[in-house]
Amino acid sequence: MADAHVSSRDVDEHISSLKQCKIISEDAVKALCEKAKEILMEESNVHHVPIPAVVVGDIHGQFYDLLELFDVGGQVPSVNYVFMGDFVDRGYYSVETFLLLLALK
């Protein structure tokens, strides 16, 4: 099992790499997944989201559309986003899309 300790600096570096559509290491992916698992296990299924917030529908792995969304709508954490689902499954960059959203979590 990967070490779930991921520093804020590591996450920022992963986000920067992912936004440039660069590959991050398998160990980095495992660590991000483990950290996200820890966070999701502690959180409630229902969240109160501060407004204003941008609600996003299906993006289907369209990575460059996701980047454009952030360019137009504003960057995290300055803007609150709610993603409704269907992050991946059809686009060529489904893995990159999922990993970027995971890192932003």
C-alpha atoms as a PDB file:
ATOM      1  CA  MET A   1       0.000   0.000   0.000  1.00  0.00           C
ATOM      2  CA  ALA A   2       1.296   3.479  -0.841  1.00  0.00           C
ATOM      3  CA  ASP A   3       2.256   5.967   1.846  1.00  0.00           C
ATOM      4  CA  ALA A   4      -0.809   8.201   2.215  1.00  0.00           C
ATOM      5  CA  HIS A   5       1.300  11.114   3.455  1.00  0.00           C
ATOM      6  CA  VAL A   6       1.174  13.654   0.673  1.00  0.00           C
ATOM      7  CA  SER A   7       2.379  17.151   1.482  1.00  0.00           C
ATOM      8  CA  SER A   8       0.600  20.251   0.216  1.00  0.00           C
ATOM      9  CA  ARG A   9       3.702  21.014  -1.823  1.00  0.00           C
ATOM     10  CA  ASP A  10       3.554  17.560  -3.445  1.00  0.00           C
ATOM     11  CA  VAL A  11      -0.112  18.060  -4.306  1.00  0.00           C
ATOM     12  CA  ASP A  12       0.596  21.509  -5.766  1.00  0.00           C
ATOM     13  CA  GLU A  13       3.364  20.007  -7.911  1.00  0.00           C
ATOM     14  CA  HIS A  14       1.046  17.207  -9.074  1.00  0.00           C
ATOM     15  CA  ILE A  15      -1.659  19.738  -9.951  1.00  0.00           C
ATOM     16  CA  SER A  16       0.837  21.806 -11.933  1.00  0.00           C
ATOM     17  CA  SER A  17       2.082  18.728 -13.799  1.00  0.00           C
ATOM     18  CA  LEU A  18      -1.427  17.463 -14.493  1.00  0.00           C
ATOM     19  CA  LYS A  19      -2.579  20.855 -15.802  1.00  0.00           C
ATOM     20  CA  GLN A  20       0.258  20.585 -18.328  1.00  0.00           C
ATOM     21  CA  CYS A  21      -0.939  17.054 -19.144  1.00  0.00           C
ATOM     22  CA  LYS A  22       2.349  15.633 -17.874  1.00  0.00           C
ATOM     23  CA  ILE A  23       2.542  12.138 -16.477  1.00  0.00           C
ATOM     24  CA  ILE A  24       2.918  11.744 -12.729  1.00  0.00           C
ATOM     25  CA  SER A  25       4.510   8.636 -11.263  1.00  0.00           C
ATOM     26  CA  GLU A  26       2.590   5.525 -10.305  1.00  0.00           C
ATOM     27  CA  ASP A  27       3.665   6.077  -6.684  1.00  0.00           C
ATOM     28  CA  ALA A  28       2.265   9.622  -6.809  1.00  0.00           C
ATOM     29  CA  VAL A  29      -1.043   8.314  -8.182  1.00  0.00           C
ATOM     30  CA  LYS A  30      -1.237   5.701  -5.424  1.00  0.00           C
ATOM     31  CA  ALA A  31      -0.445   8.296  -2.758  1.00  0.00           C
ATOM     32  CA  LEU A  32      -3.123  10.675  -4.126  1.00  0.00           C
ATOM     33  CA  CYS A  33      -5.680   7.866  -4.149  1.00  0.00           C
ATOM     34  CA  GLU A  34      -4.831   6.836  -0.587  1.00  0.00           C
ATOM     35  CA  LYS A  35      -5.030  10.434   0.633  1.00  0.00           C
ATOM     36  CA  ALA A  36      -8.360  10.954  -1.133  1.00  0.00           C
ATOM     37  CA  LYS A  37      -9.647   7.728   0.421  1.00  0.00           C
ATOM     38  CA  GLU A  38      -8.725   9.027   3.886  1.00  0.00           C
ATOM     39  CA  ILE A  39     -10.479  12.338   3.239  1.00  0.00           C
ATOM     40  CA  LEU A  40     -13.608  10.749   1.768  1.00  0.00           C
ATOM     41  CA  MET A  41     -13.883   8.228   4.614  1.00  0.00           C
ATOM     42  CA  GLU A  42     -13.945  11.095   7.131  1.00  0.00           C
ATOM     43  CA  GLU A  43     -16.341  13.372   5.249  1.00  0.00           C
ATOM     44  CA  SER A  44     -20.105  13.284   5.224  1.00  0.00           C
ATOM     45  CA  ASN A  45     -21.923  12.309   2.027  1.00  0.00           C
ATOM     46  CA  VAL A  46     -23.761  15.645   2.113  1.00  0.00           C
ATOM     47  CA  HIS A  47     -21.914  18.964   2.137  1.00  0.00           C
ATOM     48  CA  HIS A  48     -22.914  22.553   2.651  1.00  0.00           C
ATOM     49  CA  VAL A  49     -21.165  24.401  -0.159  1.00  0.00           C
ATOM     50  CA  PRO A  50     -20.369  28.074   0.335  1.00  0.00           C
ATOM     51  CA  ILE A  51     -21.892  30.254  -2.355  1.00  0.00           C
ATOM     52  CA  PRO A  52     -21.267  31.418  -4.917  1.00  0.00           C
ATOM     53  CA  ALA A  53     -20.408  28.070  -6.461  1.00  0.00           C
ATOM     54  CA  VAL A  54     -20.118  26.768 -10.003  1.00  0.00           C
ATOM     55  CA  VAL A  55     -22.105  23.578 -10.624  1.00  0.00           C
ATOM     56  CA  VAL A  56     -20.576  21.353 -13.298  1.00  0.00           C
ATOM     57  CA  GLY A  57     -22.374  18.598 -15.182  1.00  0.00           C
ATOM     58  CA  ASP A  58     -20.884  15.715 -17.151  1.00  0.00           C
ATOM     59  CA  ILE A  59     -17.372  16.303 -18.471  1.00  0.00           C
ATOM     60  CA  HIS A  60     -16.733  12.714 -19.661  1.00  0.00           C
ATOM     61  CA  GLY A  61     -12.939  12.900 -19.469  1.00  0.00           C
ATOM     62  CA  GLN A  62     -12.702  16.031 -21.611  1.00  0.00           C
ATOM     63  CA  PHE A  63      -9.545  17.246 -19.889  1.00  0.00           C
ATOM     64  CA  TYR A  64      -8.976  20.367 -21.957  1.00  0.00           C
ATOM     65  CA  ASP A  65     -12.609  21.388 -21.466  1.00  0.00           C
ATOM     66  CA  LEU A  66     -12.012  21.054 -17.717  1.00  0.00           C
ATOM     67  CA  LEU A  67      -8.968  23.323 -17.956  1.00  0.00           C
ATOM     68  CA  GLU A  68     -11.028  25.839 -19.965  1.00  0.00           C
ATOM     69  CA  LEU A  69     -13.746  25.656 -17.312  1.00  0.00           C
ATOM     70  CA  PHE A  70     -11.206  26.667 -14.671  1.00  0.00           C
ATOM     71  CA  ASP A  71      -9.818  29.423 -16.922  1.00  0.00           C
ATOM     72  CA  VAL A  72     -13.289  30.889 -17.473  1.00  0.00           C
ATOM     73  CA  GLY A  73     -14.898  30.170 -14.097  1.00  0.00           C
ATOM     74  CA  GLY A  74     -11.889  30.753 -11.881  1.00  0.00           C
ATOM     75  CA  GLN A  75      -9.238  28.624 -10.268  1.00  0.00           C
ATOM     76  CA  VAL A  76      -9.609  26.452  -7.189  1.00  0.00           C
ATOM     77  CA  PRO A  77      -9.535  27.389  -4.293  1.00  0.00           C
ATOM     78  CA  SER A  78     -10.692  30.907  -5.224  1.00  0.00           C
ATOM     79  CA  VAL A  79     -13.913  29.494  -6.688  1.00  0.00           C
ATOM     80  CA  ASN A  80     -16.110  26.743  -5.253  1.00  0.00           C
ATOM     81  CA  TYR A  81     -17.065  23.966  -7.663  1.00  0.00           C
ATOM     82  CA  VAL A  82     -19.611  21.166  -7.366  1.00  0.00           C
ATOM     83  CA  PHE A  83     -19.078  18.325  -9.848  1.00  0.00           C
ATOM     84  CA  MET A  84     -22.251  16.303 -10.347  1.00  0.00           C
ATOM     85  CA  GLY A  85     -20.671  13.178 -11.806  1.00  0.00           C
ATOM     86  CA  ASP A  86     -19.644  11.527 -15.058  1.00  0.00           C
ATOM     87  CA  PHE A  87     -16.091  12.830 -14.746  1.00  0.00           C
ATOM     88  CA  VAL A  88     -14.686  10.135 -17.008  1.00  0.00           C
ATOM     89  CA  ASP A  89     -15.607   7.428 -19.490  1.00  0.00           C
ATOM     90  CA  ARG A  90     -15.507   8.849 -23.006  1.00  0.00           C
ATOM     91  CA  GLY A  91     -12.645  11.298 -23.363  1.00  0.00           C
ATOM     92  CA  TYR A  92      -9.074  10.456 -24.289  1.00  0.00           C
ATOM     93  CA  TYR A  93      -7.845  12.029 -21.058  1.00  0.00           C
ATOM     94  CA  SER A  94     -10.105  10.334 -18.518  1.00  0.00           C
ATOM     95  CA  VAL A  95      -7.208   9.367 -16.231  1.00  0.00           C
ATOM     96  CA  GLU A  96      -5.750  12.883 -16.274  1.00  0.00           C
ATOM     97  CA  THR A  97      -9.195  14.380 -15.670  1.00  0.00           C
ATOM     98  CA  PHE A  98      -9.847  12.122 -12.696  1.00  0.00           C
ATOM     99  CA  LEU A  99      -6.390  12.668 -11.204  1.00  0.00           C
ATOM    100  CA  LEU A 100      -6.657  16.456 -11.484  1.00  0.00           C
ATOM    101  CA  LEU A 101     -10.046  16.463  -9.754  1.00  0.00           C
ATOM    102  CA  LEU A 102      -8.682  14.088  -7.118  1.00  0.00           C
ATOM    103  CA  ALA A 103      -5.659  16.320  -6.480  1.00  0.00           C
ATOM    104  CA  LEU A 104      -7.885  19.389  -6.221  1.00  0.00           C
ATOM    105  CA  LYS A 105      -9.988  17.612  -3.590  1.00  0.00           C
END
